[in-house]
Each structure stands twice: as C-alpha cells, then as structure tokens.
Amino acid sequence: MYQAGEGNLMKKEMEKSKLSIEVAELYYQLNYSQQQISEHLKISRPTVSRLLQYAREKGYVQIKIADPFVDLQQLEQQLAEKYHLKEACVAFSPASDPATILHYVSIRAAEYVSGLIRNGMSIGISWGSTIYEVAAKLPKMHVKGAEVVQLKGGTSFSHVNTYAWETLMLFGNALQTLPVYFPLPLLFEKAEAMEIVMQDQSIQKIIEKGREAQAAIFTVGAADEEALLFKLGYFTEAEKEKLMEKAVGDVCSRFIDRNGEICDTTINKRTVSIELAELRKKEWSILVAGGRRKVLPAHTALTAGYANVLITDQHTAKQLLGMEQG
C-alpha cells in the first residue's frame, strides 16, 4: 500500500516537472505571455505562475544576467597588470567594425581627459582621425591656466586631411586657452635642413613646452598600405616599402620595430615629433587605440613603456591580452 502511494507521488512529481518545463519553454524561449500559455495548455493563469516558479526552484530555468560592465572592469584590471599601467579604460563597443569602435573609444577618452585636466595643467596632443574624434567630443572645461601644445609637426603636402589644426583648436576651445601650434612639416626632406630650423628659438620653446607637459595623448598607427602617414606625400615608394617591411607601426609618427625601437634612424632624424623617451617620463602618457589594425603597434608601444594609460574597447582589449610578451 505504501509503495503504491509512493509510486503515485513520484508519477505526479514527474508530470509536474514535465509540465513546468513545457511552460518554461513557452514563456522563456517562445515569448508566450502567461495568458497565452494558460489558453494554450488549458490551465489557469495562477497555475502557470506557480509552474514557472517551480521550474526556477528546481533549476530547470537558470537566469543569467550578462553584465558587460563587469567584464570591462576585469579587462581593465588584466590590461593594467599585463602592461604595468597606471590605468586602463575599456569602452563597451556594441560592434567590432572600426567606425563603431572609434566612436565609443573616443567618447571614453574624452571623458577621461575632461576628468583629468586641472588648473594650470599642460597637455601635449598628437593628431589623426582618432585624436580628432576625441577632441570633437570634449566638453568645455572650467579650468584656469591650462595649456595645449602640439607634439609634432602638422603641415602636409597632400589633400588627405590629418585634422592637425582642427584637433588643436578643438582642444584649445575645450580648455578655453590659445593652443600652441607646431608650425613645421612632420617630415623634412633632409635632416640637415631640419637641424637648422630646429635651432630657431621659437621652435625650441615649442619643443620645451611639449617636454614639460604633464600629459600627452596620442594614438598608434599600423605600417601598412592604409597608413595615414603614407598618404601625406612625405615618403618615397622605396621608403614606404622599407618601413612596411621593418616597422610594426608608429607612435607619434616615429616608426618602431617589434622591440619598440626606432626602425629607421635616417627617417627618424628627419621627423618633427616628440622623442619617444619623453613619453616614458610623462605623468600621464595616454594611448588611445581601438581596432584590429592597431593591436600590434599598441601592444608593442605598451610593452616598450611609451604609455602608462590605455583607452581602448573590449574587442581590442581581448586581442591585446592574447598577445605574447616579448
């Protein structure tokens, strides 16, 4: 008698479990409302509600909340540990295409810069589409005595826009200051000509301002056919081929190899830009980089210690964490 009763209880329990799973599938997978389930299975709405609760209690339904921001915090910590950074900021980008990544990374970078700048602070800036997008998203900052200085020459011989002037003016407007322009080309044809020009007292003052800036914000570029620097009329075809063969990319327009060292000293001596060693000395050396093409140059620059702050997105962050050191 007891065994028969026990068997009936087990049968009822099994039937209840099956029904609760069916209700859960309709509700969670097929997006049926509780009323629709009630009509479909010919059971009352309170019964539907109880069966859904039963399915959760039994573990048939497991609700997982995917919080992207928790993942971002973990990525930030891992990046900071891997590259010995003062800070890593990872923006959430809903897609991995370059335009979407740039949009969200530049927003995050603008937020970081606006929170960093204080009275009397000086920031050195690079140029290019990445830093321009950051500049375009900067809010007006209520700071006094702040200074913006260009870290590299911005004149080019091409119709391709470097956004050098626009970026400088946007930063100046945001910090409510007159920015310091570097009135030279990025690259001289001859090193001897550059040496003469660089001796000018006014040019030396600009270089010194760049050195003294507490913060620098810049990006990296890939050394490939799509590189902005290769479209500006500075390099011969032979020089382009040589750089694409030897360099992983550029940091502030100085081309580096896989060890983070200058890969062509002849071209480097003709380049008007902050010395990479100076970036290591900055209180805030801020690298803004996102997208597949920037992974290798960013990894190399970070490993070489040219930046102590990284602002990127989760797609790029995961690729950077997958890169081997050394």
Protein backbone atom coordinates (compact mmCIF):
# COMPACT_ATOMS: atom_id res chain seq x y z
CA MET A 1 0.00 0.00 0.00
CA TYR A 2 2.81 2.41 0.97
CA GLN A 3 4.78 1.53 -2.17
CA ALA A 4 1.80 2.20 -4.42
CA GLY A 5 1.25 5.60 -2.79
CA GLU A 6 4.92 6.43 -3.16
CA GLY A 7 4.76 5.48 -6.82
CA ASN A 8 1.79 7.76 -7.39
CA LEU A 9 3.62 10.66 -5.75
CA MET A 10 6.65 10.11 -7.97
CA LYS A 11 4.42 9.96 -11.04
CA LYS A 12 2.69 13.22 -10.09
CA GLU A 13 6.04 14.86 -9.40
CA MET A 14 7.34 13.77 -12.79
CA GLU A 15 4.23 15.05 -14.55
CA LYS A 16 4.53 18.37 -12.72
CA SER A 17 8.18 18.63 -13.72
CA LYS A 18 7.42 17.93 -17.38
CA LEU A 19 4.58 20.45 -17.39
CA SER A 20 6.71 23.10 -15.68
CA ILE A 21 9.44 22.61 -18.30
CA GLU A 22 6.88 22.94 -21.10
CA VAL A 23 5.51 26.13 -19.53
CA ALA A 24 9.04 27.50 -19.09
CA GLU A 25 9.94 26.78 -22.72
CA LEU A 26 6.82 28.56 -23.95
CA TYR A 27 7.45 31.52 -21.67
CA TYR A 28 11.23 31.99 -21.96
CA GLN A 29 12.06 30.58 -25.39
CA LEU A 30 8.93 31.29 -27.45
CA ASN A 31 7.99 34.51 -25.62
CA TYR A 32 4.43 33.40 -24.85
CA SER A 33 2.64 35.50 -22.25
CA GLN A 34 1.25 33.75 -19.16
CA GLN A 35 -2.26 34.31 -20.55
CA GLN A 36 -1.32 32.70 -23.88
CA ILE A 37 0.20 29.71 -22.05
CA SER A 38 -2.98 29.41 -19.98
CA GLU A 39 -5.12 29.27 -23.12
CA HIS A 40 -2.70 27.01 -25.00
CA LEU A 41 -2.40 24.38 -22.23
CA LYS A 42 -5.91 24.94 -20.84
CA ILE A 43 -4.71 25.64 -17.31
CA SER A 44 -5.33 28.68 -15.11
CA ARG A 45 -3.00 31.69 -15.04
CA PRO A 46 -2.19 31.16 -11.32
CA THR A 47 -1.15 27.60 -12.21
CA VAL A 48 1.11 28.93 -14.97
CA SER A 49 2.73 31.32 -12.50
CA ARG A 50 3.26 28.54 -9.93
CA LEU A 51 4.77 26.23 -12.57
CA LEU A 52 7.23 28.93 -13.67
CA GLN A 53 8.27 29.43 -10.04
CA TYR A 54 8.60 25.64 -9.63
CA ALA A 55 10.82 25.43 -12.74
CA ARG A 56 13.12 28.11 -11.31
CA GLU A 57 13.29 26.46 -7.89
CA LYS A 58 14.15 23.08 -9.42
CA GLY A 59 16.88 24.60 -11.57
CA TYR A 60 15.14 23.86 -14.86
CA VAL A 61 15.37 27.57 -15.59
CA GLN A 62 18.63 29.40 -14.92
CA ILE A 63 18.54 33.15 -15.39
CA LYS A 64 21.92 34.64 -16.23
CA ILE A 65 22.47 38.39 -16.47
CA ALA A 66 25.29 39.24 -18.85
CA ASP A 67 26.62 42.50 -17.45
CA PRO A 68 29.15 43.85 -20.00
CA PHE A 69 30.44 46.37 -17.46
CA VAL A 70 31.64 43.66 -15.08
CA ASP A 71 33.58 42.18 -17.99
CA LEU A 72 35.01 45.61 -18.80
CA GLN A 73 36.32 46.02 -15.26
CA GLN A 74 38.04 42.64 -15.47
CA LEU A 75 39.61 43.55 -18.80
CA GLU A 76 40.84 46.86 -17.37
CA GLN A 77 42.48 45.09 -14.45
CA GLN A 78 44.10 42.48 -16.69
CA LEU A 79 45.45 45.11 -19.10
CA ALA A 80 46.84 47.20 -16.25
CA GLU A 81 48.60 44.15 -14.83
CA LYS A 82 49.96 42.93 -18.16
CA TYR A 83 51.37 46.27 -19.30
CA HIS A 84 52.14 47.78 -15.87
CA LEU A 85 49.76 50.67 -16.46
CA LYS A 86 48.67 53.44 -14.14
CA GLU A 87 45.18 52.96 -15.56
CA ALA A 88 43.32 51.11 -18.31
CA CYS A 89 39.90 52.23 -19.54
CA VAL A 90 37.86 49.85 -21.69
CA ALA A 91 34.85 51.24 -23.53
CA PHE A 92 31.95 48.99 -24.49
CA SER A 93 31.53 48.89 -28.27
CA PRO A 94 28.40 47.05 -29.49
CA ALA A 95 30.15 46.15 -32.77
CA SER A 96 33.72 45.41 -33.80
CA ASP A 97 33.94 47.46 -37.00
CA PRO A 98 36.47 50.33 -36.97
CA ALA A 99 33.91 53.16 -37.13
CA THR A 100 31.85 51.88 -34.19
CA ILE A 101 34.94 51.19 -32.10
CA LEU A 102 36.33 54.67 -32.81
CA HIS A 103 33.03 56.27 -31.79
CA TYR A 104 32.85 54.60 -28.39
CA VAL A 105 36.57 54.70 -27.62
CA SER A 106 36.73 58.42 -28.40
CA ILE A 107 33.78 59.08 -26.09
CA ARG A 108 35.56 57.23 -23.28
CA ALA A 109 38.82 59.06 -23.99
CA ALA A 110 37.08 62.45 -23.95
CA GLU A 111 35.52 61.58 -20.59
CA TYR A 112 38.92 60.58 -19.24
CA VAL A 113 40.67 63.74 -20.43
CA SER A 114 37.92 66.03 -19.14
CA GLY A 115 38.18 64.37 -15.74
CA LEU A 116 41.97 64.63 -15.73
CA ILE A 117 42.60 68.27 -16.66
CA ARG A 118 43.01 70.66 -13.75
CA ASN A 119 44.03 74.30 -13.28
CA GLY A 120 47.47 75.11 -14.65
CA MET A 121 47.91 71.74 -16.34
CA SER A 122 49.54 71.31 -19.74
CA ILE A 123 48.62 68.56 -22.20
CA GLY A 124 50.51 67.64 -25.36
CA ILE A 125 48.46 66.30 -28.25
CA SER A 126 49.11 64.33 -31.40
CA TRP A 127 46.81 64.31 -34.44
CA GLY A 128 45.00 61.95 -36.80
CA SER A 129 41.40 60.70 -37.00
CA THR A 130 41.47 59.05 -33.55
CA ILE A 131 42.64 62.10 -31.62
CA TYR A 132 40.38 64.35 -33.70
CA GLU A 133 37.35 62.29 -32.64
CA VAL A 134 38.43 62.61 -29.02
CA ALA A 135 38.80 66.38 -29.44
CA ALA A 136 35.37 66.67 -31.08
CA LYS A 137 33.71 65.04 -28.07
CA LEU A 138 35.42 67.11 -25.37
CA PRO A 139 33.09 69.21 -23.20
CA LYS A 140 34.02 72.77 -22.29
CA MET A 141 36.15 72.57 -19.14
CA HIS A 142 36.08 75.20 -16.44
CA VAL A 143 39.80 75.28 -15.73
CA LYS A 144 42.22 78.18 -15.44
CA GLY A 145 45.73 78.44 -16.84
CA ALA A 146 45.59 75.15 -18.75
CA GLU A 147 47.72 74.77 -21.87
CA VAL A 148 47.52 72.70 -25.04
CA VAL A 149 50.64 72.10 -27.12
CA GLN A 150 51.08 70.20 -30.38
CA LEU A 151 53.62 67.39 -30.06
CA LYS A 152 54.55 67.01 -33.72
CA GLY A 153 54.65 68.90 -36.98
CA GLY A 154 51.32 69.09 -38.73
CA THR A 155 51.89 70.52 -42.20
CA SER A 156 51.45 68.01 -45.04
CA PHE A 157 51.77 68.04 -48.83
CA SER A 158 48.59 66.13 -49.56
CA HIS A 159 44.83 66.64 -49.92
CA VAL A 160 44.38 63.96 -47.21
CA ASN A 161 43.22 65.61 -44.00
CA THR A 162 45.29 64.95 -40.89
CA TYR A 163 42.90 67.01 -38.72
CA ALA A 164 46.01 68.53 -37.12
CA TRP A 165 44.75 72.12 -36.99
CA GLU A 166 41.13 71.16 -36.21
CA THR A 167 42.23 68.89 -33.36
CA LEU A 168 44.42 71.59 -31.86
CA MET A 169 41.64 74.20 -31.99
CA LEU A 170 39.04 71.83 -30.52
CA PHE A 171 41.32 71.07 -27.58
CA GLY A 172 42.01 74.78 -27.15
CA ASN A 173 38.30 75.61 -27.16
CA ALA A 174 37.53 72.87 -24.65
CA LEU A 175 40.24 74.07 -22.26
CA GLN A 176 39.43 77.73 -23.03
CA THR A 177 43.02 78.51 -23.95
CA LEU A 178 45.03 79.54 -27.01
CA PRO A 179 46.80 76.35 -28.16
CA VAL A 180 50.47 76.18 -29.12
CA TYR A 181 50.85 75.22 -32.79
CA PHE A 182 53.94 73.43 -34.15
CA PRO A 183 54.39 75.32 -37.47
CA LEU A 184 56.55 72.73 -39.22
CA PRO A 185 56.03 69.75 -41.51
CA LEU A 186 56.05 66.33 -39.92
CA LEU A 187 58.97 65.23 -42.06
CA PHE A 188 61.82 67.17 -43.66
CA GLU A 189 63.35 66.06 -46.93
CA LYS A 190 66.84 66.40 -45.48
CA ALA A 191 67.97 66.01 -41.88
CA GLU A 192 70.43 68.89 -42.29
CA ALA A 193 67.63 71.31 -43.15
CA MET A 194 65.64 70.16 -40.15
CA GLU A 195 68.58 70.66 -37.80
CA ILE A 196 68.94 74.27 -38.91
CA VAL A 197 65.23 75.03 -38.47
CA MET A 198 65.08 73.30 -35.09
CA GLN A 199 67.73 75.68 -33.75
CA ASP A 200 65.29 78.58 -34.07
CA GLN A 201 64.48 79.96 -30.62
CA SER A 202 60.70 79.98 -31.14
CA ILE A 203 60.77 76.33 -32.26
CA GLN A 204 62.89 75.38 -29.26
CA LYS A 205 60.28 76.96 -26.97
CA ILE A 206 57.54 74.81 -28.51
CA ILE A 207 59.65 71.67 -28.12
CA GLU A 208 60.32 72.58 -24.49
CA LYS A 209 56.60 73.09 -23.85
CA GLY A 210 55.98 69.62 -25.25
CA ARG A 211 58.60 68.17 -22.92
CA GLU A 212 57.19 69.97 -19.89
CA ALA A 213 53.56 68.96 -20.48
CA GLN A 214 52.36 66.72 -17.65
CA ALA A 215 50.14 64.72 -20.01
CA ALA A 216 50.34 63.52 -23.59
CA ILE A 217 47.52 62.00 -25.60
CA PHE A 218 48.30 60.08 -28.78
CA THR A 219 47.48 57.02 -30.82
CA VAL A 220 49.43 54.43 -32.80
CA GLY A 221 49.25 53.62 -36.48
CA ALA A 222 49.86 50.49 -38.49
CA ALA A 223 52.67 50.35 -41.04
CA ASP A 224 50.58 49.11 -43.97
CA GLU A 225 49.11 50.35 -47.24
CA GLU A 226 46.24 52.05 -45.39
CA ALA A 227 48.51 54.05 -43.06
CA LEU A 228 47.63 57.75 -42.94
CA LEU A 229 51.30 58.73 -42.83
CA PHE A 230 51.91 57.02 -46.17
CA LYS A 231 49.22 59.15 -47.83
CA LEU A 232 50.62 62.56 -46.90
CA GLY A 233 53.33 62.90 -49.54
CA TYR A 234 56.26 62.62 -47.15
CA PHE A 235 57.75 59.27 -48.19
CA THR A 236 59.15 57.87 -51.41
CA GLU A 237 57.89 54.48 -52.57
CA ALA A 238 61.20 52.94 -51.53
CA GLU A 239 60.87 54.40 -48.03
CA LYS A 240 57.30 53.13 -47.73
CA GLU A 241 58.34 49.61 -48.72
CA LYS A 242 61.22 49.68 -46.26
CA LEU A 243 59.00 50.84 -43.40
CA MET A 244 56.27 48.32 -44.19
CA GLU A 245 58.90 45.58 -44.10
CA LYS A 246 60.64 46.62 -40.88
CA ALA A 247 58.06 48.50 -38.78
CA VAL A 248 55.05 47.27 -36.81
CA GLY A 249 53.67 50.81 -36.80
CA ASP A 250 54.26 54.29 -35.49
CA VAL A 251 53.99 56.09 -32.15
CA CYS A 252 53.57 59.85 -32.60
CA SER A 253 54.78 59.30 -36.20
CA ARG A 254 58.02 57.63 -35.12
CA PHE A 255 58.20 54.16 -36.66
CA ILE A 256 59.07 51.29 -34.34
CA ASP A 257 60.03 47.66 -34.82
CA ARG A 258 58.78 44.63 -32.86
CA ASN A 259 61.08 45.52 -29.98
CA GLY A 260 59.66 49.02 -29.72
CA GLU A 261 62.87 50.56 -31.05
CA ILE A 262 63.20 53.10 -33.85
CA CYS A 263 63.39 51.01 -37.00
CA ASP A 264 64.96 53.56 -39.37
CA THR A 265 67.28 56.15 -37.86
CA THR A 266 67.65 58.09 -41.13
CA ILE A 267 63.91 58.76 -41.40
CA ASN A 268 63.68 59.34 -37.66
CA LYS A 269 66.27 62.14 -37.84
CA ARG A 270 64.03 63.93 -40.35
CA THR A 271 60.89 63.57 -38.20
CA VAL A 272 59.46 66.52 -36.26
CA SER A 273 57.83 64.91 -33.24
CA ILE A 274 58.27 64.37 -29.54
CA GLU A 275 61.01 61.86 -28.73
CA LEU A 276 59.59 58.52 -27.59
CA ALA A 277 61.80 58.59 -24.50
CA GLU A 278 59.91 61.74 -23.43
CA LEU A 279 56.62 59.83 -23.42
CA ARG A 280 58.00 57.50 -20.75
CA LYS A 281 58.62 60.50 -18.48
CA LYS A 282 55.08 61.87 -18.60
CA GLU A 283 52.88 61.74 -15.53
CA TRP A 284 50.07 60.74 -17.88
CA SER A 285 51.06 59.20 -21.20
CA ILE A 286 47.68 58.34 -22.70
CA LEU A 287 47.41 55.92 -25.60
CA VAL A 288 44.02 55.86 -27.35
CA ALA A 289 43.73 52.89 -29.69
CA GLY A 290 40.99 50.60 -30.93
CA GLY A 291 40.52 48.21 -33.83
CA ARG A 292 42.30 45.25 -35.37
CA ARG A 293 44.92 47.30 -37.27
CA LYS A 294 46.10 48.97 -34.07
CA VAL A 295 46.54 45.81 -31.98
CA LEU A 296 50.17 45.02 -32.88
CA PRO A 297 51.51 48.62 -32.72
CA ALA A 298 49.57 49.23 -29.49
CA HIS A 299 50.93 46.04 -27.92
CA THR A 300 54.47 46.98 -28.96
CA ALA A 301 54.16 50.55 -27.66
CA LEU A 302 52.69 49.38 -24.35
CA THR A 303 55.35 46.71 -23.89
CA ALA A 304 58.03 49.34 -24.56
CA GLY A 305 56.53 51.55 -21.85
CA TYR A 306 55.58 54.51 -24.06
CA ALA A 307 52.17 54.78 -22.37
CA ASN A 308 51.03 54.41 -18.78
CA VAL A 309 47.32 54.90 -19.56
CA LEU A 310 45.42 52.92 -22.20
CA ILE A 311 41.96 53.72 -23.53
CA THR A 312 40.50 51.06 -25.81
CA ASP A 313 37.43 48.85 -26.38
CA GLN A 314 36.63 45.31 -25.26
CA HIS A 315 37.29 43.75 -28.69
CA THR A 316 40.78 45.26 -28.90
CA ALA A 317 41.42 44.60 -25.21
CA LYS A 318 40.84 40.87 -25.65
CA GLN A 319 43.20 40.77 -28.63
CA LEU A 320 45.86 42.65 -26.67
CA LEU A 321 45.54 40.20 -23.78
CA GLY A 322 46.07 37.37 -26.26
CA MET A 323 49.36 38.84 -27.50
CA GLU A 324 52.52 37.21 -26.18
CA GLN A 325 55.01 39.35 -24.31
CA GLY A 326 58.47 39.85 -25.72
